[in-house]
Amino acid sequence: MTPELISLILSIVATFALIVYVRGLIKTAGSDRKVDPVAVEELMANIDWSHAYRVLDRKKT
């Protein structure tokens, strides 16, 4: 294989990968996140609340 052919193949692969990536971005742009109520309840039940005061009691400086 010549260097020109290798360069052409790599360019085509990179272009295809970029098209797939941008298509995925466009497909998900502007859409809301999917919220799973069961997962949220599970997270809230299993979270370690022992350090919550560090976040909730911060004084604004």
PDB file of N, CA and C in Angstrom:
ATOM      1  N   MET A   1       0.841  -1.181   0.000  1.00  0.00           N
ATOM      2  CA  MET A   1       0.000   0.000   0.000  1.00  0.00           C
ATOM      3  C   MET A   1       0.884   1.241   0.000  1.00  0.00           C
ATOM      4  N   THR A   2       0.449   2.166  -0.763  1.00  0.00           N
ATOM      5  CA  THR A   2       1.190   3.420  -0.828  1.00  0.00           C
ATOM      6  C   THR A   2       0.734   4.344   0.299  1.00  0.00           C
ATOM      7  N   PRO A   3       1.570   5.284   0.670  1.00  0.00           N
ATOM      8  CA  PRO A   3       1.183   6.227   1.735  1.00  0.00           C
ATOM      9  C   PRO A   3      -0.067   7.032   1.389  1.00  0.00           C
ATOM     10  N   GLU A   4      -0.260   7.302   0.104  1.00  0.00           N
ATOM     11  CA  GLU A   4      -1.442   8.055  -0.307  1.00  0.00           C
ATOM     12  C   GLU A   4      -2.715   7.255  -0.058  1.00  0.00           C
ATOM     13  N   LEU A   5      -2.654   5.950  -0.340  1.00  0.00           N
ATOM     14  CA  LEU A   5      -3.816   5.089  -0.134  1.00  0.00           C
ATOM     15  C   LEU A   5      -4.121   4.951   1.358  1.00  0.00           C
ATOM     16  N   ILE A   6      -3.095   4.802   2.161  1.00  0.00           N
ATOM     17  CA  ILE A   6      -3.283   4.702   3.613  1.00  0.00           C
ATOM     18  C   ILE A   6      -3.897   5.999   4.147  1.00  0.00           C
ATOM     19  N   SER A   7      -3.405   7.127   3.672  1.00  0.00           N
ATOM     20  CA  SER A   7      -3.932   8.421   4.081  1.00  0.00           C
ATOM     21  C   SER A   7      -5.396   8.563   3.675  1.00  0.00           C
ATOM     22  N   LEU A   8      -5.735   8.127   2.482  1.00  0.00           N
ATOM     23  CA  LEU A   8      -7.110   8.195   2.002  1.00  0.00           C
ATOM     24  C   LEU A   8      -8.027   7.328   2.855  1.00  0.00           C
ATOM     25  N   ILE A   9      -7.596   6.117   3.165  1.00  0.00           N
ATOM     26  CA  ILE A   9      -8.412   5.212   3.980  1.00  0.00           C
ATOM     27  C   ILE A   9      -8.605   5.786   5.374  1.00  0.00           C
ATOM     28  N   LEU A  10      -7.539   6.309   5.985  1.00  0.00           N
ATOM     29  CA  LEU A  10      -7.660   6.913   7.309  1.00  0.00           C
ATOM     30  C   LEU A  10      -8.574   8.134   7.293  1.00  0.00           C
ATOM     31  N   SER A  11      -8.520   8.908   6.240  1.00  0.00           N
ATOM     32  CA  SER A  11      -9.395  10.079   6.126  1.00  0.00           C
ATOM     33  C   SER A  11     -10.855   9.662   6.034  1.00  0.00           C
ATOM     34  N   ILE A  12     -11.132   8.631   5.265  1.00  0.00           N
ATOM     35  CA  ILE A  12     -12.505   8.137   5.123  1.00  0.00           C
ATOM     36  C   ILE A  12     -13.019   7.596   6.462  1.00  0.00           C
ATOM     37  N   VAL A  13     -12.189   6.824   7.157  1.00  0.00           N
ATOM     38  CA  VAL A  13     -12.592   6.275   8.452  1.00  0.00           C
ATOM     39  C   VAL A  13     -12.830   7.401   9.457  1.00  0.00           C
ATOM     40  N   ALA A  14     -11.944   8.391   9.498  1.00  0.00           N
ATOM     41  CA  ALA A  14     -12.100   9.505  10.429  1.00  0.00           C
ATOM     42  C   ALA A  14     -13.353  10.315  10.100  1.00  0.00           C
ATOM     43  N   THR A  15     -13.619  10.524   8.825  1.00  0.00           N
ATOM     44  CA  THR A  15     -14.807  11.263   8.413  1.00  0.00           C
ATOM     45  C   THR A  15     -16.071  10.508   8.812  1.00  0.00           C
ATOM     46  N   PHE A  16     -16.095   9.210   8.603  1.00  0.00           N
ATOM     47  CA  PHE A  16     -17.249   8.397   8.979  1.00  0.00           C
ATOM     48  C   PHE A  16     -17.468   8.443  10.489  1.00  0.00           C
ATOM     49  N   ALA A  17     -16.397   8.324  11.259  1.00  0.00           N
ATOM     50  CA  ALA A  17     -16.510   8.364  12.719  1.00  0.00           C
ATOM     51  C   ALA A  17     -17.040   9.722  13.178  1.00  0.00           C
ATOM     52  N   LEU A  18     -16.571  10.788  12.566  1.00  0.00           N
ATOM     53  CA  LEU A  18     -17.029  12.124  12.913  1.00  0.00           C
ATOM     54  C   LEU A  18     -18.507  12.308  12.558  1.00  0.00           C
ATOM     55  N   ILE A  19     -18.929  11.801  11.419  1.00  0.00           N
ATOM     56  CA  ILE A  19     -20.336  11.890  11.019  1.00  0.00           C
ATOM     57  C   ILE A  19     -21.217  11.150  12.013  1.00  0.00           C
ATOM     58  N   VAL A  20     -20.806   9.963  12.433  1.00  0.00           N
ATOM     59  CA  VAL A  20     -21.582   9.187  13.404  1.00  0.00           C
ATOM     60  C   VAL A  20     -21.658   9.938  14.731  1.00  0.00           C
ATOM     61  N   TYR A  21     -20.548  10.518  15.174  1.00  0.00           N
ATOM     62  CA  TYR A  21     -20.513  11.270  16.427  1.00  0.00           C
ATOM     63  C   TYR A  21     -21.422  12.496  16.363  1.00  0.00           C
ATOM     64  N   VAL A  22     -21.329  13.270  15.307  1.00  0.00           N
ATOM     65  CA  VAL A  22     -22.151  14.473  15.167  1.00  0.00           C
ATOM     66  C   VAL A  22     -23.620  14.095  15.047  1.00  0.00           C
ATOM     67  N   ARG A  23     -23.913  13.018  14.362  1.00  0.00           N
ATOM     68  CA  ARG A  23     -25.304  12.559  14.245  1.00  0.00           C
ATOM     69  C   ARG A  23     -25.865  12.225  15.629  1.00  0.00           C
ATOM     70  N   GLY A  24     -25.064  11.580  16.464  1.00  0.00           N
ATOM     71  CA  GLY A  24     -25.494  11.279  17.822  1.00  0.00           C
ATOM     72  C   GLY A  24     -25.718  12.538  18.643  1.00  0.00           C
ATOM     73  N   LEU A  25     -24.836  13.527  18.469  1.00  0.00           N
ATOM     74  CA  LEU A  25     -25.013  14.801  19.173  1.00  0.00           C
ATOM     75  C   LEU A  25     -26.294  15.500  18.750  1.00  0.00           C
ATOM     76  N   ILE A  26     -26.546  15.521  17.462  1.00  0.00           N
ATOM     77  CA  ILE A  26     -27.744  16.186  16.949  1.00  0.00           C
ATOM     78  C   ILE A  26     -29.000  15.459  17.424  1.00  0.00           C
ATOM     79  N   LYS A  27     -28.933  14.149  17.467  1.00  0.00           N
ATOM     80  CA  LYS A  27     -30.091  13.358  17.879  1.00  0.00           C
ATOM     81  C   LYS A  27     -30.450  13.624  19.334  1.00  0.00           C
ATOM     82  N   THR A  28     -29.449  13.835  20.192  1.00  0.00           N
ATOM     83  CA  THR A  28     -29.715  14.030  21.611  1.00  0.00           C
ATOM     84  C   THR A  28     -29.761  15.497  22.031  1.00  0.00           C
ATOM     85  N   ALA A  29     -29.398  16.396  21.151  1.00  0.00           N
ATOM     86  CA  ALA A  29     -29.367  17.816  21.508  1.00  0.00           C
ATOM     87  C   ALA A  29     -30.774  18.328  21.785  1.00  0.00           C
ATOM     88  N   GLY A  30     -30.917  19.023  22.891  1.00  0.00           N
ATOM     89  CA  GLY A  30     -32.192  19.632  23.212  1.00  0.00           C
ATOM     90  C   GLY A  30     -33.186  18.708  23.888  1.00  0.00           C
ATOM     91  N   SER A  31     -32.867  17.455  23.986  1.00  0.00           N
ATOM     92  CA  SER A  31     -33.808  16.538  24.634  1.00  0.00           C
ATOM     93  C   SER A  31     -33.525  16.499  26.132  1.00  0.00           C
ATOM     94  N   ASP A  32     -34.566  16.284  26.881  1.00  0.00           N
ATOM     95  CA  ASP A  32     -34.416  16.196  28.327  1.00  0.00           C
ATOM     96  C   ASP A  32     -33.793  14.865  28.703  1.00  0.00           C
ATOM     97  N   ARG A  33     -33.145  14.874  29.855  1.00  0.00           N
ATOM     98  CA  ARG A  33     -32.586  13.627  30.358  1.00  0.00           C
ATOM     99  C   ARG A  33     -33.716  12.696  30.756  1.00  0.00           C
ATOM    100  N   LYS A  34     -33.493  11.428  30.551  1.00  0.00           N
ATOM    101  CA  LYS A  34     -34.480  10.445  30.963  1.00  0.00           C
ATOM    102  C   LYS A  34     -34.332  10.237  32.466  1.00  0.00           C
ATOM    103  N   VAL A  35     -35.442  10.342  33.183  1.00  0.00           N
ATOM    104  CA  VAL A  35     -35.431  10.176  34.630  1.00  0.00           C
ATOM    105  C   VAL A  35     -36.109   8.859  34.970  1.00  0.00           C
ATOM    106  N   ASP A  36     -35.399   8.046  35.693  1.00  0.00           N
ATOM    107  CA  ASP A  36     -35.932   6.767  36.144  1.00  0.00           C
ATOM    108  C   ASP A  36     -36.312   6.913  37.612  1.00  0.00           C
ATOM    109  N   PRO A  37     -37.606   7.008  37.925  1.00  0.00           N
ATOM    110  CA  PRO A  37     -38.018   7.222  39.314  1.00  0.00           C
ATOM    111  C   PRO A  37     -37.541   6.130  40.264  1.00  0.00           C
ATOM    112  N   VAL A  38     -37.491   4.913  39.804  1.00  0.00           N
ATOM    113  CA  VAL A  38     -37.032   3.814  40.656  1.00  0.00           C
ATOM    114  C   VAL A  38     -35.556   3.998  40.997  1.00  0.00           C
ATOM    115  N   ALA A  39     -34.763   4.381  40.020  1.00  0.00           N
ATOM    116  CA  ALA A  39     -33.330   4.595  40.260  1.00  0.00           C
ATOM    117  C   ALA A  39     -33.112   5.775  41.203  1.00  0.00           C
ATOM    118  N   VAL A  40     -33.928   6.817  41.087  1.00  0.00           N
ATOM    119  CA  VAL A  40     -33.803   7.978  41.976  1.00  0.00           C
ATOM    120  C   VAL A  40     -34.132   7.573  43.407  1.00  0.00           C
ATOM    121  N   GLU A  41     -35.198   6.815  43.585  1.00  0.00           N
ATOM    122  CA  GLU A  41     -35.564   6.358  44.931  1.00  0.00           C
ATOM    123  C   GLU A  41     -34.475   5.460  45.513  1.00  0.00           C
ATOM    124  N   GLU A  42     -33.914   4.606  44.682  1.00  0.00           N
ATOM    125  CA  GLU A  42     -32.842   3.725  45.147  1.00  0.00           C
ATOM    126  C   GLU A  42     -31.602   4.535  45.549  1.00  0.00           C
ATOM    127  N   LEU A  43     -31.263   5.528  44.765  1.00  0.00           N
ATOM    128  CA  LEU A  43     -30.124   6.380  45.082  1.00  0.00           C
ATOM    129  C   LEU A  43     -30.348   7.127  46.386  1.00  0.00           C
ATOM    130  N   MET A  44     -31.529   7.701  46.549  1.00  0.00           N
ATOM    131  CA  MET A  44     -31.827   8.456  47.761  1.00  0.00           C
ATOM    132  C   MET A  44     -31.817   7.561  48.993  1.00  0.00           C
ATOM    133  N   ALA A  45     -32.201   6.302  48.829  1.00  0.00           N
ATOM    134  CA  ALA A  45     -32.221   5.378  49.962  1.00  0.00           C
ATOM    135  C   ALA A  45     -30.810   4.914  50.322  1.00  0.00           C
ATOM    136  N   ASN A  46     -29.934   4.807  49.344  1.00  0.00           N
ATOM    137  CA  ASN A  46     -28.608   4.229  49.573  1.00  0.00           C
ATOM    138  C   ASN A  46     -27.492   5.254  49.735  1.00  0.00           C
ATOM    139  N   ILE A  47     -27.806   6.535  49.593  1.00  0.00           N
ATOM    140  CA  ILE A  47     -26.756   7.547  49.635  1.00  0.00           C
ATOM    141  C   ILE A  47     -26.244   7.723  51.070  1.00  0.00           C
ATOM    142  N   ASP A  48     -24.978   8.045  51.197  1.00  0.00           N
ATOM    143  CA  ASP A  48     -24.369   8.273  52.503  1.00  0.00           C
ATOM    144  C   ASP A  48     -24.608   9.724  52.903  1.00  0.00           C
ATOM    145  N   TRP A  49     -25.508   9.930  53.839  1.00  0.00           N
ATOM    146  CA  TRP A  49     -25.884  11.276  54.248  1.00  0.00           C
ATOM    147  C   TRP A  49     -24.999  11.819  55.366  1.00  0.00           C
ATOM    148  N   SER A  50     -23.999  11.067  55.787  1.00  0.00           N
ATOM    149  CA  SER A  50     -23.201  11.491  56.935  1.00  0.00           C
ATOM    150  C   SER A  50     -22.373  12.748  56.668  1.00  0.00           C
ATOM    151  N   HIS A  51     -22.114  13.063  55.415  1.00  0.00           N
ATOM    152  CA  HIS A  51     -21.318  14.250  55.085  1.00  0.00           C
ATOM    153  C   HIS A  51     -22.163  15.335  54.409  1.00  0.00           C
ATOM    154  N   ALA A  52     -23.472  15.210  54.498  1.00  0.00           N
ATOM    155  CA  ALA A  52     -24.340  16.186  53.839  1.00  0.00           C
ATOM    156  C   ALA A  52     -24.188  17.571  54.437  1.00  0.00           C
ATOM    157  N   TYR A  53     -23.849  17.639  55.719  1.00  0.00           N
ATOM    158  CA  TYR A  53     -23.711  18.951  56.362  1.00  0.00           C
ATOM    159  C   TYR A  53     -22.613  19.777  55.697  1.00  0.00           C
ATOM    160  N   ARG A  54     -21.629  19.118  55.105  1.00  0.00           N
ATOM    161  CA  ARG A  54     -20.543  19.861  54.443  1.00  0.00           C
ATOM    162  C   ARG A  54     -21.065  20.658  53.253  1.00  0.00           C
ATOM    163  N   VAL A  55     -22.065  20.125  52.615  1.00  0.00           N
ATOM    164  CA  VAL A  55     -22.633  20.808  51.450  1.00  0.00           C
ATOM    165  C   VAL A  55     -23.746  21.755  51.868  1.00  0.00           C
ATOM    166  N   LEU A  56     -24.601  21.289  52.769  1.00  0.00           N
ATOM    167  CA  LEU A  56     -25.792  22.064  53.100  1.00  0.00           C
ATOM    168  C   LEU A  56     -25.497  23.249  54.002  1.00  0.00           C
ATOM    169  N   ASP A  57     -24.441  23.182  54.806  1.00  0.00           N
ATOM    170  CA  ASP A  57     -24.162  24.244  55.761  1.00  0.00           C
ATOM    171  C   ASP A  57     -23.025  25.165  55.339  1.00  0.00           C
ATOM    172  N   ARG A  58     -22.679  25.172  54.074  1.00  0.00           N
ATOM    173  CA  ARG A  58     -21.609  26.059  53.610  1.00  0.00           C
ATOM    174  C   ARG A  58     -22.064  27.499  53.690  1.00  0.00           C
ATOM    175  N   LYS A  59     -21.195  28.317  54.210  1.00  0.00           N
ATOM    176  CA  LYS A  59     -21.492  29.742  54.275  1.00  0.00           C
ATOM    177  C   LYS A  59     -20.961  30.394  53.016  1.00  0.00           C
ATOM    178  N   LYS A  60     -21.746  31.304  52.483  1.00  0.00           N
ATOM    179  CA  LYS A  60     -21.316  32.015  51.285  1.00  0.00           C
ATOM    180  C   LYS A  60     -20.238  33.014  51.669  1.00  0.00           C
ATOM    181  N   THR A  61     -19.156  32.971  50.951  1.00  0.00           N
ATOM    182  CA  THR A  61     -18.050  33.887  51.260  1.00  0.00           C
ATOM    183  C   THR A  61     -17.875  34.885  50.148  1.00  0.00           C
TER     184      THR A  61
END
